[in-house]
N, C-alpha and C. Protein backbone atom coordinates (compact mmCIF):
# COMPACT_ATOMS: atom_id res chain seq x y z
N UNK A 1 113.20 167.15 27.19
CA UNK A 1 113.05 166.43 28.20
C UNK A 1 111.51 166.71 28.90
N UNK A 2 110.79 165.77 29.17
CA UNK A 2 109.29 166.04 29.43
C UNK A 2 108.90 165.49 30.90
N UNK A 3 107.79 165.82 31.25
CA UNK A 3 107.37 165.41 32.70
C UNK A 3 106.79 164.01 32.57
N UNK A 4 106.44 163.43 33.79
CA UNK A 4 105.80 162.22 34.14
C UNK A 4 104.30 162.66 34.82
N UNK A 5 103.33 162.43 34.18
CA UNK A 5 101.90 162.55 34.59
C UNK A 5 101.40 161.30 35.31
N UNK A 6 100.62 161.45 36.41
CA UNK A 6 100.06 160.34 37.03
C UNK A 6 98.56 160.72 37.12
N UNK A 7 97.86 159.52 36.97
CA UNK A 7 96.39 159.63 37.03
C UNK A 7 95.87 158.61 37.97
N UNK A 8 94.94 159.07 38.97
CA UNK A 8 94.21 158.27 39.83
C UNK A 8 92.82 158.20 39.19
N UNK A 9 92.48 157.24 38.35
CA UNK A 9 91.56 157.31 37.63
C UNK A 9 90.35 156.65 38.30
N UNK A 10 89.07 157.36 38.30
CA UNK A 10 87.94 156.93 38.96
C UNK A 10 86.61 156.96 37.94
N UNK A 11 85.81 156.43 38.25
CA UNK A 11 84.59 156.56 37.47
C UNK A 11 84.14 157.89 37.14
N UNK A 12 83.84 158.63 38.36
CA UNK A 12 83.33 159.98 38.40
C UNK A 12 84.70 160.95 38.15
N UNK A 13 85.42 160.93 39.10
CA UNK A 13 86.41 161.81 39.21
C UNK A 13 87.80 161.22 38.74
N UNK A 14 88.76 162.04 38.44
CA UNK A 14 90.29 161.45 38.31
C UNK A 14 91.18 162.58 38.95
N UNK A 15 92.04 162.12 39.71
CA UNK A 15 93.02 163.00 40.25
C UNK A 15 94.32 162.95 39.28
N UNK A 16 94.96 164.04 39.58
CA UNK A 16 96.10 164.23 38.40
C UNK A 16 97.26 164.82 39.39
N UNK A 17 98.62 164.30 38.76
CA UNK A 17 99.84 164.79 39.28
C UNK A 17 100.66 164.96 38.17
N UNK A 18 101.75 165.77 38.38
CA UNK A 18 102.65 165.79 37.41
C UNK A 18 104.01 166.27 38.02
N UNK A 19 105.16 165.70 37.44
CA UNK A 19 106.46 166.18 37.94
C UNK A 19 106.90 167.51 37.50
N UNK A 20 107.85 167.99 38.16
CA UNK A 20 108.71 169.11 37.43
C UNK A 20 109.56 168.61 36.30
N UNK A 21 110.20 169.59 35.64
CA UNK A 21 110.77 169.17 34.19
C UNK A 21 111.93 168.21 34.80
N UNK A 22 112.75 168.31 35.97
CA UNK A 22 113.71 167.50 36.41
C UNK A 22 113.24 166.18 37.00
N UNK A 23 111.90 166.10 36.88
CA UNK A 23 111.19 164.69 37.50
C UNK A 23 111.72 164.27 38.87
N UNK A 24 111.77 165.20 39.68
CA UNK A 24 112.21 164.96 41.12
C UNK A 24 111.02 165.13 42.18
N UNK A 25 110.23 166.13 41.76
CA UNK A 25 108.98 166.20 42.75
C UNK A 25 107.65 166.10 41.86
N UNK A 26 106.64 165.61 42.77
CA UNK A 26 105.38 165.57 42.16
C UNK A 26 104.48 166.77 42.74
N UNK A 27 103.55 167.37 41.72
CA UNK A 27 102.72 168.31 42.35
C UNK A 27 101.37 168.06 41.73
N UNK A 28 100.46 168.27 42.38
CA UNK A 28 98.92 168.03 41.95
C UNK A 28 98.45 168.94 41.10
N UNK A 29 97.72 168.51 40.31
CA UNK A 29 96.91 169.28 39.17
C UNK A 29 95.38 169.27 39.65
N UNK A 30 94.45 169.98 39.17
CA UNK A 30 93.09 170.09 39.68
C UNK A 30 92.40 168.84 39.09
N UNK A 31 91.68 168.31 40.23
CA UNK A 31 90.74 167.20 39.94
C UNK A 31 89.83 167.59 38.82
N UNK A 32 89.66 166.48 38.04
CA UNK A 32 88.80 166.68 36.82
C UNK A 32 87.57 165.44 36.85
N UNK A 33 86.61 165.71 36.31
CA UNK A 33 85.41 164.64 36.03
C UNK A 33 86.12 163.92 34.83
N UNK A 34 86.00 162.81 35.08
CA UNK A 34 86.54 161.60 34.27
C UNK A 34 86.26 161.67 33.03
N UNK A 35 85.11 162.19 32.70
CA UNK A 35 84.51 162.40 31.29
C UNK A 35 85.14 163.57 30.56
N UNK A 36 85.84 164.43 31.21
CA UNK A 36 86.76 165.42 30.69
C UNK A 36 88.10 165.32 30.56
N UNK A 37 88.44 164.00 31.08
CA UNK A 37 90.11 163.78 31.29
C UNK A 37 90.66 163.65 29.97
N UNK A 38 90.20 163.02 28.97
CA UNK A 38 90.83 162.80 27.81
C UNK A 38 91.23 164.10 27.05
N UNK A 39 90.18 164.94 26.93
CA UNK A 39 90.28 166.32 26.26
C UNK A 39 91.32 167.24 27.16
N UNK A 40 91.31 167.10 28.41
CA UNK A 40 92.38 167.77 29.25
C UNK A 40 93.78 167.44 28.78
N UNK A 41 93.81 166.10 28.94
CA UNK A 41 95.22 165.46 28.42
C UNK A 41 95.74 165.86 27.03
N UNK A 42 94.68 165.70 26.11
CA UNK A 42 95.25 166.25 24.66
C UNK A 42 95.71 167.83 24.68
N UNK A 43 95.10 168.62 25.53
CA UNK A 43 95.33 169.96 25.39
C UNK A 43 96.81 170.20 26.33
N UNK A 44 96.85 169.45 27.51
CA UNK A 44 97.98 169.64 28.38
C UNK A 44 99.31 168.97 27.53
N UNK A 45 99.21 167.73 26.98
CA UNK A 45 100.34 167.27 26.24
C UNK A 45 100.54 167.99 25.02
N UNK A 46 99.97 168.70 24.49
CA UNK A 46 99.94 169.90 23.24
C UNK A 46 100.82 170.83 23.86
N UNK A 47 100.81 171.06 24.94
CA UNK A 47 101.54 172.37 25.52
C UNK A 47 102.62 171.87 26.14
N UNK A 48 102.65 170.79 27.14
CA UNK A 48 103.84 170.36 27.86
C UNK A 48 104.42 169.04 27.50
N UNK A 49 105.64 169.03 27.06
CA UNK A 49 106.13 167.39 27.02
C UNK A 49 106.06 166.47 28.00
N UNK A 50 105.14 165.17 27.69
CA UNK A 50 105.16 164.29 28.73
C UNK A 50 105.85 163.10 28.23
N UNK A 51 106.72 162.63 29.05
CA UNK A 51 107.57 161.11 28.60
C UNK A 51 106.78 159.97 28.96
N UNK A 52 106.03 160.18 30.19
CA UNK A 52 105.33 158.76 30.53
C UNK A 52 104.14 159.33 31.19
N UNK A 53 102.92 158.48 31.02
CA UNK A 53 101.65 158.47 31.91
C UNK A 53 101.63 157.47 32.66
N UNK A 54 101.64 157.66 34.05
CA UNK A 54 101.44 156.54 35.02
C UNK A 54 100.11 156.50 35.53
N UNK A 55 99.26 155.37 35.28
CA UNK A 55 98.08 155.07 35.93
C UNK A 55 98.15 154.43 37.24
N UNK A 56 97.13 154.70 38.06
CA UNK A 56 97.06 153.88 39.27
C UNK A 56 96.59 152.60 38.96
N UNK A 57 97.13 151.50 39.64
CA UNK A 57 96.57 150.27 39.39
C UNK A 57 95.97 149.66 40.58
N UNK A 58 94.76 149.63 40.70
CA UNK A 58 94.16 149.11 42.12
C UNK A 58 94.30 147.62 42.25
N UNK A 59 94.68 147.19 43.35
CA UNK A 59 95.04 145.86 43.52
C UNK A 59 94.30 145.49 44.96
N UNK A 60 94.00 144.21 44.98
CA UNK A 60 93.30 143.84 46.31
C UNK A 60 94.56 143.43 47.42
N UNK A 61 94.35 143.15 48.56
CA UNK A 61 95.34 142.76 49.47
C UNK A 61 96.25 141.76 48.97
N UNK A 62 95.86 140.86 48.26
CA UNK A 62 96.57 139.63 47.86
C UNK A 62 97.50 140.13 46.44
N UNK A 63 97.19 141.25 46.14
CA UNK A 63 98.00 141.67 44.90
C UNK A 63 97.38 141.43 43.52
N UNK A 64 96.29 141.00 43.58
CA UNK A 64 95.45 140.76 42.31
C UNK A 64 94.64 142.12 41.87
N UNK A 65 94.48 142.03 40.54
CA UNK A 65 93.62 143.23 40.09
C UNK A 65 92.33 143.50 40.67
N UNK A 66 91.97 144.70 41.21
CA UNK A 66 90.64 144.72 41.76
C UNK A 66 89.58 144.90 40.80
N UNK A 67 88.26 144.86 41.20
CA UNK A 67 87.27 144.86 40.45
C UNK A 67 87.16 146.28 39.45
N UNK A 68 87.55 147.37 40.12
CA UNK A 68 87.54 148.62 39.32
C UNK A 68 88.30 148.45 38.10
N UNK A 69 89.23 147.74 37.91
CA UNK A 69 90.12 147.35 36.65
C UNK A 69 89.24 147.43 35.50
N UNK A 70 87.86 147.06 35.60
CA UNK A 70 87.08 146.80 34.64
C UNK A 70 86.63 148.03 33.85
N UNK A 71 86.90 149.15 34.45
CA UNK A 71 86.48 150.60 33.90
C UNK A 71 87.92 151.25 33.62
N UNK A 72 88.91 150.73 34.19
CA UNK A 72 90.28 151.26 33.82
C UNK A 72 91.00 150.85 32.79
N UNK A 73 90.93 149.70 32.45
CA UNK A 73 91.51 148.95 31.26
C UNK A 73 91.08 149.60 30.04
N UNK A 74 89.54 149.91 29.87
CA UNK A 74 89.39 150.46 28.59
C UNK A 74 89.76 151.84 28.55
N UNK A 75 90.14 152.76 29.53
CA UNK A 75 90.55 154.09 29.55
C UNK A 75 91.90 153.88 29.22
N UNK A 76 92.81 153.00 29.80
CA UNK A 76 94.24 152.79 29.25
C UNK A 76 94.30 152.46 27.87
N UNK A 77 93.45 151.55 27.29
CA UNK A 77 93.57 151.25 25.87
C UNK A 77 93.14 152.41 25.05
N UNK A 78 92.29 153.30 25.53
CA UNK A 78 92.08 154.64 24.73
C UNK A 78 93.25 155.50 24.83
N UNK A 79 93.95 155.62 25.91
CA UNK A 79 95.15 156.45 26.09
C UNK A 79 96.31 156.02 25.22
N UNK A 80 96.47 154.67 25.25
CA UNK A 80 97.34 154.13 24.22
C UNK A 80 97.05 154.39 22.64
N UNK A 81 95.85 154.40 22.38
CA UNK A 81 95.41 154.89 20.97
C UNK A 81 95.58 156.37 20.81
N UNK A 82 95.41 157.12 21.71
CA UNK A 82 95.35 158.70 21.69
C UNK A 82 96.86 159.02 21.52
N UNK A 83 97.58 158.37 22.38
CA UNK A 83 98.89 158.95 22.72
C UNK A 83 99.93 157.83 22.41
N UNK A 84 100.03 157.44 21.05
CA UNK A 84 100.86 156.04 20.63
C UNK A 84 102.38 156.30 21.10
N UNK A 85 102.98 157.41 21.23
CA UNK A 85 104.16 157.69 21.39
C UNK A 85 104.83 157.90 22.76
N UNK A 86 103.68 158.10 23.60
CA UNK A 86 103.85 157.99 25.29
C UNK A 86 103.56 156.85 25.80
N UNK A 87 104.81 156.45 26.46
CA UNK A 87 104.54 155.17 27.15
C UNK A 87 103.60 155.19 28.21
N UNK A 88 102.68 154.24 28.50
CA UNK A 88 101.62 154.26 29.64
C UNK A 88 101.98 153.11 30.54
N UNK A 89 102.26 153.26 31.85
CA UNK A 89 102.61 152.26 32.80
C UNK A 89 101.65 152.35 33.96
N UNK A 90 101.29 151.26 34.37
CA UNK A 90 100.40 150.86 35.44
C UNK A 90 101.38 150.81 36.58
N UNK A 91 100.88 151.41 37.69
CA UNK A 91 101.65 151.48 39.10
C UNK A 91 100.70 151.20 40.29
N UNK A 92 101.05 150.47 41.11
CA UNK A 92 100.36 149.92 42.18
C UNK A 92 99.81 151.12 43.02
N UNK A 93 98.62 151.18 43.28
CA UNK A 93 97.97 152.35 44.11
C UNK A 93 97.27 151.86 45.25
N UNK A 94 97.69 150.85 45.66
CA UNK A 94 96.98 150.27 47.04
C UNK A 94 97.37 151.18 48.19
N UNK A 95 96.10 151.56 48.82
CA UNK A 95 96.23 152.52 50.04
C UNK A 95 96.25 153.96 49.79
N UNK A 96 96.28 154.40 48.44
CA UNK A 96 96.72 155.89 48.32
C UNK A 96 95.48 156.41 48.62
N UNK A 97 94.35 156.05 48.57
CA UNK A 97 93.23 157.00 49.02
C UNK A 97 93.34 157.13 50.71
N UNK A 98 93.55 156.02 51.30
CA UNK A 98 93.86 156.04 52.75
C UNK A 98 94.75 156.95 53.28
N UNK A 99 95.81 156.78 52.54
CA UNK A 99 96.95 157.44 53.15
C UNK A 99 96.92 159.14 52.80
N UNK A 100 96.05 159.46 51.65
CA UNK A 100 95.65 160.78 51.41
C UNK A 100 95.01 161.33 52.50
N UNK A 101 93.76 160.52 52.98
CA UNK A 101 93.18 161.25 53.96
C UNK A 101 93.74 161.28 55.30
N UNK A 102 94.79 160.38 55.55
CA UNK A 102 95.69 160.58 56.69
C UNK A 102 96.61 161.58 56.68
N UNK A 103 97.10 161.86 55.46
CA UNK A 103 97.95 163.12 55.18
C UNK A 103 97.29 164.40 55.35
N UNK A 104 96.08 164.49 55.06
CA UNK A 104 95.24 165.55 54.86
C UNK A 104 95.02 165.93 56.53
N UNK A 105 94.58 164.84 57.35
CA UNK A 105 94.46 165.19 58.80
C UNK A 105 95.66 165.68 59.23
N UNK A 106 96.89 164.92 59.02
CA UNK A 106 98.11 165.12 59.60
C UNK A 106 98.59 166.53 59.24
N UNK A 107 98.14 167.02 58.01
CA UNK A 107 98.71 168.40 57.45
C UNK A 107 97.74 169.64 58.07
N UNK A 108 96.82 169.21 59.11
CA UNK A 108 95.69 170.25 59.43
C UNK A 108 94.76 170.83 58.34
N UNK A 109 94.43 170.06 57.37
CA UNK A 109 93.40 170.41 56.44
C UNK A 109 92.04 170.43 57.26
N UNK A 110 91.43 171.71 57.17
CA UNK A 110 90.22 171.66 57.75
C UNK A 110 89.10 170.70 57.24
N UNK A 111 88.08 170.42 58.07
CA UNK A 111 87.17 169.28 57.74
C UNK A 111 86.44 169.70 56.44
N UNK A 112 86.18 170.95 56.16
CA UNK A 112 85.54 171.19 54.77
C UNK A 112 86.53 170.83 53.63
N UNK A 113 87.78 171.14 53.89
CA UNK A 113 88.44 170.77 52.92
C UNK A 113 88.90 169.22 52.66
N UNK A 114 88.70 168.62 53.90
CA UNK A 114 89.01 167.07 53.86
C UNK A 114 87.87 166.44 53.03
N UNK A 115 86.71 166.93 53.19
CA UNK A 115 85.35 166.39 52.69
C UNK A 115 85.26 166.67 51.14
N UNK A 116 86.23 167.45 50.65
CA UNK A 116 86.25 167.77 49.12
C UNK A 116 86.67 166.57 48.57
N UNK A 117 86.13 165.77 47.89
CA UNK A 117 86.49 164.25 47.23
C UNK A 117 87.69 164.61 46.25
N UNK A 118 87.62 165.44 45.60
CA UNK A 118 88.48 166.02 44.65
C UNK A 118 89.80 166.19 45.19
N UNK A 119 90.09 166.74 46.39
CA UNK A 119 91.34 166.79 47.15
C UNK A 119 92.02 165.56 47.37
N UNK A 120 91.27 164.59 47.93
CA UNK A 120 91.62 163.38 48.16
C UNK A 120 92.17 162.55 46.88
N UNK A 121 91.52 162.87 45.75
CA UNK A 121 91.83 162.18 44.50
C UNK A 121 93.38 162.93 44.01
N UNK A 122 93.38 164.10 44.04
CA UNK A 122 94.68 164.94 43.74
C UNK A 122 95.74 164.39 44.51
N UNK A 123 95.58 164.15 45.91
CA UNK A 123 96.63 163.72 46.93
C UNK A 123 96.82 162.42 46.63
N UNK A 124 95.98 161.41 46.13
CA UNK A 124 96.23 160.07 45.65
C UNK A 124 97.12 160.03 44.36
N UNK A 125 96.68 161.06 43.31
CA UNK A 125 97.63 161.02 42.34
C UNK A 125 98.96 161.28 42.51
N UNK A 126 99.23 162.28 43.66
CA UNK A 126 100.51 162.72 43.77
C UNK A 126 101.32 161.51 44.58
N UNK A 127 100.59 160.89 45.37
CA UNK A 127 101.19 159.43 46.18
C UNK A 127 101.53 158.59 45.07
N UNK A 128 100.69 158.13 44.06
CA UNK A 128 101.15 157.38 43.05
C UNK A 128 102.27 157.80 42.40
N UNK A 129 102.38 159.20 42.05
CA UNK A 129 103.43 159.68 41.24
C UNK A 129 104.82 159.50 42.14
N UNK A 130 104.57 159.93 43.35
CA UNK A 130 105.87 160.05 44.11
C UNK A 130 106.47 158.59 44.26
N UNK A 131 105.53 157.55 44.49
CA UNK A 131 105.92 156.17 44.57
C UNK A 131 106.44 155.74 43.29
N UNK A 132 106.10 156.03 41.97
CA UNK A 132 106.51 155.70 40.84
C UNK A 132 108.06 156.31 40.47
N UNK A 133 108.17 157.45 40.95
CA UNK A 133 109.63 158.05 40.96
C UNK A 133 110.46 157.55 41.97
N UNK A 134 109.93 157.12 43.07
CA UNK A 134 111.00 156.38 44.10
C UNK A 134 111.36 155.11 43.31
N UNK A 135 110.33 154.52 42.68
CA UNK A 135 110.70 152.96 42.16
C UNK A 135 111.53 153.04 41.18
N UNK A 136 111.75 154.32 40.29
CA UNK A 136 112.76 154.40 39.21
C UNK A 136 113.98 154.46 39.75
N UNK A 137 114.20 155.24 41.13
CA UNK A 137 115.42 155.29 41.60
C UNK A 137 116.09 153.88 42.28
N UNK A 138 115.26 153.07 42.33
CA UNK A 138 115.75 151.78 43.03
C UNK A 138 116.11 150.76 41.90
N UNK A 139 115.72 151.15 40.52
CA UNK A 139 115.95 150.13 39.46
C UNK A 139 117.38 150.30 38.79
């Protein structure tokens, strides 16, 4: 039984989150430079079983793919090639960055921590993964 891993993919940095073995809760992993992400995933997946990779799918307010899909799509295609036995799922990520910043404020994070861009990316990945887990329970 493997974990579900979520990625909030960005041009410079990518936030990561992973479930526990029972796939109940989402926990953040350290934010990485996007150029280092593939080698991290290869190493992680060689040590931890991963059943599914969830990628945040940016959409505009009308539900159409956003401009940033032009650099996310090639990354998703690369993942499918590198991990042919791991399902890759796109999941709506609208407002995750905004919610992450609000959660940091509500959680009492100090200003310096809130300004760390990597922390918001990590929290966005946790939100994507949590939303995905909830969507599975409604199916």
